[in-house]
Protein backbone atom coordinates (compact mmCIF):
# COMPACT_ATOMS: atom_id res chain seq x y z
CA MET A 1 -37.88 -53.08 45.29
CA THR A 2 -37.91 -55.86 42.74
CA ILE A 3 -35.15 -58.37 43.44
CA THR A 4 -33.56 -59.49 40.20
CA ASP A 5 -31.16 -62.37 39.82
CA THR A 6 -27.54 -61.62 39.02
CA THR A 7 -26.22 -63.09 35.82
CA THR A 8 -22.79 -64.59 35.54
CA SER A 9 -20.21 -62.82 33.41
CA PRO A 10 -19.96 -63.99 29.76
CA ALA A 11 -17.28 -66.62 29.43
CA PRO A 12 -14.26 -65.36 27.45
CA ALA A 13 -13.24 -67.31 24.39
CA ALA A 14 -11.13 -70.32 25.30
CA GLY A 15 -7.51 -70.50 24.25
CA ARG A 16 -5.98 -67.13 25.06
CA ARG A 17 -5.01 -66.76 28.70
CA LEU A 18 -3.50 -63.69 30.37
CA THR A 19 -2.45 -62.79 33.87
CA THR A 20 -4.38 -60.02 35.58
CA SER A 21 -1.47 -57.61 35.18
CA LYS A 22 -1.22 -58.30 31.43
CA ALA A 23 -4.97 -57.91 31.06
CA MET A 24 -4.75 -54.48 32.71
CA VAL A 25 -1.92 -53.46 30.42
CA GLU A 26 -3.85 -54.63 27.37
CA ALA A 27 -6.87 -52.53 28.34
CA ILE A 28 -4.73 -49.45 28.89
CA ALA A 29 -2.88 -49.94 25.58
CA GLN A 30 -6.11 -50.40 23.62
CA GLU A 31 -7.62 -47.27 25.11
CA MET A 32 -4.44 -45.28 24.46
CA GLU A 33 -4.56 -46.40 20.84
CA ARG A 34 -8.22 -45.46 20.59
CA ASP A 35 -8.04 -42.12 22.42
CA PRO A 36 -4.95 -39.85 22.28
CA SER A 37 -6.14 -37.99 25.39
CA VAL A 38 -5.34 -41.04 27.59
CA VAL A 39 -2.02 -40.75 29.46
CA TYR A 40 -0.50 -42.70 32.37
CA LEU A 41 1.62 -41.21 35.14
CA GLY A 42 3.07 -42.30 38.45
CA GLU A 43 6.17 -43.58 40.19
CA ASP A 44 8.19 -46.24 38.32
CA VAL A 45 5.53 -46.64 35.62
CA GLY A 46 7.94 -45.95 32.73
CA ALA A 47 11.10 -47.99 32.17
CA TYR A 48 10.41 -50.15 35.23
CA GLY A 49 6.90 -50.98 34.00
CA GLY A 50 5.25 -50.50 37.38
CA ILE A 51 6.33 -52.39 40.49
CA PHE A 52 3.33 -54.70 40.03
CA SER A 53 3.75 -54.89 36.22
CA SER A 54 0.78 -52.58 35.66
CA THR A 55 2.45 -50.72 32.76
CA THR A 56 4.94 -53.21 31.31
CA GLY A 57 5.86 -52.30 27.73
CA LEU A 58 3.76 -49.15 27.54
CA LEU A 59 6.73 -46.75 27.53
CA ASP A 60 8.26 -48.42 24.48
CA ARG A 61 4.92 -48.34 22.71
CA PHE A 62 3.68 -44.85 23.52
CA GLY A 63 6.77 -42.89 24.56
CA PRO A 64 7.57 -40.61 27.49
CA ASP A 65 5.01 -37.97 26.50
CA ARG A 66 2.18 -40.35 27.38
CA ILE A 67 3.81 -42.65 29.96
CA LEU A 68 5.22 -40.29 32.57
CA ASP A 69 7.53 -41.25 35.41
CA THR A 70 6.95 -38.82 38.26
CA PRO A 71 8.94 -37.73 41.29
CA ILE A 72 8.03 -39.20 44.68
CA SER A 73 5.46 -36.52 45.33
CA GLU A 74 1.97 -37.99 45.34
CA THR A 75 0.25 -34.69 46.08
CA ALA A 76 1.93 -33.08 43.07
CA PHE A 77 1.33 -35.73 40.43
CA ILE A 78 -2.22 -36.53 41.51
CA GLY A 79 -2.89 -32.81 41.33
CA LEU A 80 -1.36 -32.84 37.85
CA GLY A 81 -3.74 -35.61 36.85
CA ILE A 82 -6.74 -33.72 38.21
CA GLY A 83 -5.77 -30.60 36.29
CA ALA A 84 -5.27 -32.59 33.09
CA ALA A 85 -8.67 -34.24 33.51
CA THR A 86 -10.48 -30.93 33.98
CA GLU A 87 -8.83 -29.69 30.77
CA GLY A 88 -10.17 -32.54 28.66
CA MET A 89 -7.58 -35.30 28.98
CA ARG A 90 -8.19 -38.76 30.43
CA PRO A 91 -5.26 -39.42 32.76
CA ILE A 92 -4.61 -42.65 34.59
CA VAL A 93 -2.65 -41.87 37.75
CA GLU A 94 -1.02 -44.62 39.79
CA LEU A 95 -0.74 -44.31 43.55
CA MET A 96 1.79 -47.06 44.20
CA PHE A 97 0.12 -48.35 47.39
CA ALA A 98 -3.35 -47.50 48.68
CA ASP A 99 -1.65 -46.99 52.05
CA PHE A 100 -0.16 -43.76 50.64
CA LEU A 101 -3.65 -42.25 50.50
CA GLY A 102 -2.81 -40.14 53.54
CA VAL A 103 0.00 -38.35 51.74
CA CYS A 104 -2.34 -36.94 49.08
CA PHE A 105 -5.72 -37.11 50.79
CA ASP A 106 -6.58 -33.47 50.08
CA GLN A 107 -6.10 -33.81 46.33
CA ILE A 108 -8.25 -36.94 46.20
CA TYR A 109 -11.07 -36.06 48.56
CA ASN A 110 -11.35 -32.30 48.27
CA HIS A 111 -10.53 -31.90 44.56
CA MET A 112 -10.75 -35.04 42.45
CA ALA A 113 -13.99 -36.14 44.11
CA LYS A 114 -15.66 -32.73 44.49
CA ILE A 115 -14.85 -30.55 41.49
CA HIS A 116 -17.76 -31.83 39.40
CA LEU A 117 -20.27 -31.11 42.16
CA GLU A 118 -18.74 -27.80 43.17
CA SER A 119 -18.84 -26.60 39.57
CA GLY A 120 -22.55 -27.32 39.33
CA GLY A 121 -21.82 -30.16 36.95
CA ASN A 122 -19.99 -27.93 34.48
CA VAL A 123 -16.51 -29.41 34.99
CA LYS A 124 -15.86 -33.13 34.54
CA VAL A 125 -12.95 -35.06 36.02
CA PRO A 126 -12.58 -38.17 33.78
CA MET A 127 -9.63 -39.58 35.70
CA VAL A 128 -8.65 -43.06 36.85
CA LEU A 129 -6.70 -43.40 40.09
CA THR A 130 -5.11 -46.86 40.20
CA THR A 131 -3.56 -48.31 43.33
CA ALA A 132 -2.31 -51.62 44.72
CA VAL A 133 -3.93 -53.11 47.81
CA GLY A 134 -3.75 -56.14 50.04
CA GLY A 135 -1.62 -58.14 52.42
CA GLY A 136 -0.23 -61.62 52.77
CA TYR A 137 3.38 -60.85 51.83
CA SER A 138 4.91 -59.47 55.05
CA ASP A 139 4.95 -55.96 53.62
CA GLY A 140 4.17 -54.44 57.01
CA ALA A 141 1.51 -52.11 58.36
CA GLN A 142 2.09 -49.35 55.80
CA HIS A 143 2.05 -51.46 52.61
CA SER A 144 -0.61 -54.11 53.24
CA GLN A 145 -3.98 -52.42 53.69
CA CYS A 146 -6.94 -52.49 51.32
CA LEU A 147 -8.71 -49.28 52.38
CA TRP A 148 -11.37 -49.56 49.69
CA GLY A 149 -13.94 -48.83 52.37
CA THR A 150 -12.24 -45.48 52.95
CA PHE A 151 -12.42 -44.52 49.28
CA ALA A 152 -16.00 -45.78 49.02
CA HIS A 153 -16.99 -43.67 52.04
CA LEU A 154 -15.93 -40.46 50.28
CA PRO A 155 -18.69 -39.28 47.90
CA GLY A 156 -17.89 -38.27 44.33
CA MET A 157 -15.79 -41.22 43.16
CA LYS A 158 -16.59 -44.62 41.71
CA VAL A 159 -14.62 -47.52 43.18
CA VAL A 160 -13.90 -50.78 41.34
CA VAL A 161 -11.92 -53.84 42.45
CA PRO A 162 -11.41 -56.68 39.93
CA SER A 163 -10.72 -60.23 41.06
CA ASN A 164 -9.71 -61.89 37.77
CA PRO A 165 -8.02 -61.10 34.45
CA ALA A 166 -11.15 -60.65 32.32
CA ASP A 167 -12.72 -58.27 34.82
CA ALA A 168 -9.42 -56.44 35.22
CA LYS A 169 -9.48 -55.63 31.51
CA GLY A 170 -13.18 -54.87 31.33
CA LEU A 171 -13.29 -52.65 34.41
CA MET A 172 -10.16 -50.76 33.35
CA THR A 173 -11.73 -50.02 29.98
CA ALA A 174 -14.96 -48.87 31.63
CA ALA A 175 -13.04 -46.73 34.13
CA ILE A 176 -11.01 -44.94 31.44
CA ARG A 177 -14.14 -44.17 29.43
CA ASP A 178 -16.15 -42.96 32.43
CA ASP A 179 -16.61 -39.20 32.79
CA ASN A 180 -16.40 -39.51 36.59
CA PRO A 181 -13.28 -40.04 38.69
CA VAL A 182 -12.83 -43.78 39.20
CA VAL A 183 -10.61 -45.43 41.82
CA TYR A 184 -9.33 -48.72 40.37
CA MET A 185 -7.87 -50.94 43.10
CA PHE A 186 -5.93 -54.11 42.25
CA HIS A 187 -4.90 -56.69 44.83
CA LYS A 188 -1.30 -57.85 44.55
CA GLY A 189 -2.47 -61.42 45.08
CA VAL A 190 -4.58 -61.51 41.90
CA MET A 191 -2.00 -59.99 39.55
CA GLY A 192 -0.29 -63.26 38.58
CA LEU A 193 3.19 -62.06 39.43
CA PRO A 194 5.82 -64.84 39.68
CA TRP A 195 7.41 -63.45 42.85
CA MET A 196 4.18 -63.58 44.86
CA VAL A 197 2.09 -66.40 46.29
CA LYS A 198 0.71 -68.39 43.36
CA ASN A 199 -2.98 -67.86 42.63
CA PRO A 200 -4.04 -70.34 39.92
CA ARG A 201 -7.00 -68.18 38.83
CA SER A 202 -4.81 -65.14 38.15
CA LEU A 203 -4.07 -66.68 34.74
CA ALA A 204 -7.32 -67.06 32.86
CA PRO A 205 -9.08 -66.46 29.51
CA VAL A 206 -9.48 -62.79 28.52
CA PRO A 207 -11.51 -61.56 25.54
CA GLU A 208 -9.53 -60.05 22.68
CA GLY A 209 -10.38 -56.62 21.35
CA GLU A 210 -12.85 -54.37 23.09
CA HIS A 211 -14.11 -55.70 26.43
CA VAL A 212 -16.12 -53.58 28.85
CA VAL A 213 -17.44 -54.66 32.26
CA PRO A 214 -20.16 -52.31 33.54
CA ILE A 215 -19.23 -50.48 36.72
CA GLY A 216 -21.71 -51.24 39.49
CA LYS A 217 -22.70 -54.74 38.36
CA ALA A 218 -21.77 -57.73 40.52
CA ALA A 219 -21.10 -61.19 39.11
CA LEU A 220 -21.87 -64.66 40.40
CA ALA A 221 -18.53 -66.39 40.70
CA ARG A 222 -20.25 -69.60 41.79
CA GLU A 223 -23.90 -70.58 42.07
CA GLY A 224 -25.16 -72.35 45.19
CA LYS A 225 -28.26 -72.85 47.30
CA ASP A 226 -27.24 -73.19 50.96
CA VAL A 227 -25.30 -70.06 51.89
CA SER A 228 -24.19 -66.83 50.18
CA VAL A 229 -20.64 -65.52 50.47
CA VAL A 230 -20.51 -61.88 49.38
CA THR A 231 -17.00 -60.61 48.84
CA ILE A 232 -14.51 -58.91 46.54
CA SER A 233 -10.98 -59.15 45.13
CA LEU A 234 -8.62 -61.89 46.42
CA SER A 235 -11.26 -63.03 48.90
CA VAL A 236 -13.33 -64.23 45.95
CA HIS A 237 -10.65 -66.84 45.31
CA HIS A 238 -10.47 -67.86 48.95
CA ALA A 239 -14.26 -68.21 48.99
CA LEU A 240 -14.20 -70.34 45.83
CA ASP A 241 -11.56 -72.60 47.36
CA VAL A 242 -13.73 -73.03 50.45
CA ALA A 243 -16.82 -73.66 48.32
CA GLU A 244 -15.06 -76.40 46.39
CA LYS A 245 -13.90 -78.02 49.61
CA LEU A 246 -17.29 -77.87 51.33
CA ALA A 247 -19.09 -79.28 48.30
CA GLY A 248 -17.68 -82.63 49.37
CA ASP A 249 -19.55 -82.24 52.66
CA GLY A 250 -22.81 -81.47 50.90
CA ILE A 251 -22.69 -77.70 51.55
CA ASP A 252 -23.54 -75.74 48.41
CA VAL A 253 -21.94 -72.27 48.61
CA GLU A 254 -22.87 -69.35 46.36
CA VAL A 255 -20.12 -66.76 45.84
CA LEU A 256 -20.99 -63.22 44.77
CA ASP A 257 -18.12 -61.08 43.46
CA LEU A 258 -19.18 -57.46 43.99
CA ARG A 259 -16.54 -56.09 41.55
CA SER A 260 -17.61 -52.51 42.39
CA LEU A 261 -18.07 -50.81 45.74
CA VAL A 262 -19.40 -47.59 44.25
CA PRO A 263 -21.97 -48.04 42.84
CA LEU A 264 -22.77 -51.08 45.00
CA ASP A 265 -24.98 -53.70 43.35
CA ARG A 266 -27.47 -53.95 46.18
CA GLU A 267 -30.01 -55.86 44.09
CA ALA A 268 -27.46 -58.61 43.54
CA ILE A 269 -26.84 -58.83 47.29
CA LEU A 270 -30.58 -59.06 47.97
CA ALA A 271 -31.05 -61.64 45.23
CA THR A 272 -28.46 -64.05 46.59
CA VAL A 273 -29.66 -63.71 50.19
CA ALA A 274 -33.26 -64.21 49.07
CA LYS A 275 -32.11 -67.44 47.45
CA THR A 276 -30.12 -68.94 50.35
CA GLY A 277 -31.30 -67.14 53.48
CA ARG A 278 -27.77 -67.23 54.87
CA LEU A 279 -25.09 -64.55 54.47
CA VAL A 280 -21.34 -64.56 55.04
CA VAL A 281 -19.53 -61.31 54.18
CA VAL A 282 -15.79 -61.55 53.59
CA ASP A 283 -13.72 -58.37 53.44
CA GLU A 284 -9.96 -57.83 53.59
CA ASP A 285 -10.55 -54.28 54.75
CA TYR A 286 -11.07 -53.41 58.42
CA GLN A 287 -14.32 -54.67 59.93
CA SER A 288 -15.62 -51.52 61.61
CA PHE A 289 -17.37 -48.81 59.55
CA GLY A 290 -16.70 -50.53 56.24
CA LEU A 291 -17.90 -52.73 53.39
CA SER A 292 -19.02 -55.68 55.52
CA GLY A 293 -21.38 -53.52 57.54
CA GLU A 294 -22.76 -51.88 54.39
CA VAL A 295 -23.54 -55.26 52.83
CA VAL A 296 -25.33 -56.40 55.98
CA ALA A 297 -27.29 -53.13 56.18
CA THR A 298 -28.35 -53.57 52.57
CA VAL A 299 -30.20 -56.72 53.63
CA THR A 300 -31.52 -55.62 57.02
CA ASP A 301 -32.70 -52.25 55.73
CA HIS A 302 -34.70 -54.04 53.01
CA ASP A 303 -36.11 -57.03 54.91
CA PRO A 304 -34.31 -58.62 57.87
CA THR A 305 -36.65 -61.62 57.72
CA MET A 306 -34.80 -62.75 54.61
CA LEU A 307 -32.12 -64.08 56.95
CA LYS A 308 -32.66 -67.52 58.46
CA VAL A 309 -29.64 -67.14 60.77
CA PRO A 310 -27.44 -64.28 61.98
CA VAL A 311 -24.95 -62.86 59.47
CA GLN A 312 -21.31 -63.96 59.71
CA ARG A 313 -18.61 -61.37 59.00
CA VAL A 314 -15.01 -62.29 58.19
CA ALA A 315 -12.84 -59.19 58.00
CA VAL A 316 -9.59 -57.70 59.29
CA PRO A 317 -9.92 -56.85 62.99
CA ASP A 318 -9.32 -53.21 63.85
CA VAL A 319 -5.53 -53.50 64.21
CA PRO A 320 -2.66 -52.55 61.90
CA ILE A 321 -1.58 -55.39 59.59
CA PRO A 322 1.28 -57.21 61.35
CA TYR A 323 4.64 -57.73 59.66
CA ALA A 324 5.27 -61.22 61.08
CA HIS A 325 3.89 -63.73 58.62
CA VAL A 326 2.07 -65.91 61.16
CA LEU A 327 0.41 -62.88 62.76
CA GLU A 328 -0.49 -61.39 59.39
CA TYR A 329 -2.22 -64.61 58.33
CA ALA A 330 -4.08 -64.64 61.65
CA VAL A 331 -5.82 -61.32 60.94
CA LEU A 332 -6.44 -61.70 57.19
CA PRO A 333 -9.67 -63.35 55.94
CA ARG A 334 -7.96 -66.56 54.93
CA PRO A 335 -9.79 -69.74 53.84
CA ASP A 336 -9.76 -71.27 57.31
CA ARG A 337 -11.70 -68.33 58.78
CA ILE A 338 -14.10 -68.29 55.83
CA GLU A 339 -14.77 -72.02 56.19
CA GLU A 340 -15.52 -71.64 59.90
CA ALA A 341 -17.96 -68.80 59.16
CA VAL A 342 -19.75 -70.77 56.43
CA ARG A 343 -20.10 -73.80 58.69
CA ARG A 344 -21.53 -71.61 61.46
CA ALA A 345 -24.05 -70.09 59.07
CA VAL A 346 -25.19 -73.48 57.79
CA ALA A 347 -25.39 -74.91 61.30
CA GLY A 348 -27.59 -71.97 62.28
């Protein structure tokens, strides 16, 4: 395998700044204007505008025939989206929390993901399943999981997870246009919502007009030479905070934002590890049988001698997310745990 360097994302034009939620809405609106087959359905996506502001203003703009509020029946409305996709439409279906996957698992895994294969490639399912993920807000064990490793483990679906406004727009556009089912997972902590913990990078420049981020291509969020932090979503921001802090101690941290789990940009992972020789994987999903292990295996399956020191993994231990704030912060991959892991990697 030829290891190629990963390029950074093109910088959006300065001046216009959007929150991640507004960038998502802009992408959806532009694609609905461009393609009349695009519709959006889910719970509280109409007049309420989505509980995480994922559809604000779309009902007024496109009407109830294209922005559909559904009953609280995930199995039914995800099935509706699958049927619409197989008949030539491009539905975007919102599962309010990724934690609700279990309610509609059969529709997602046995139908949305498999119809194309089971039809011998004759039936396409160009559908986007959007869902909110992540903890840090005392939402409890059933509203705080990421579970992207679960979706990524199930073959037949692409899985994307933006960390910033520009990527939120570009990945949403790419997902809507893709002929495969795409799971689009957005962390509450990157949305830029005023009633959540402030994330200064959730308001950032976003390109106007058409903007497409290729699915399956990672981005260097920060270049460095001493240690590679490979991560995704809100953990990108925690890693950047740690990198900025450790720069004062002479530790140069490279941060790779995967952006997509399926396809996984394995060449980008190999490129950054080849550069630094040290790897820290940060994942807000559970540690066992998930993304962190897959990233490590990507390196060790290719050439374990690339690693100068053992890999450090910072993930959620295999316990339900606690409700109590202090306990929740103890299990999440917060900056303090990331900093400790980076220092261990550099110390060797």
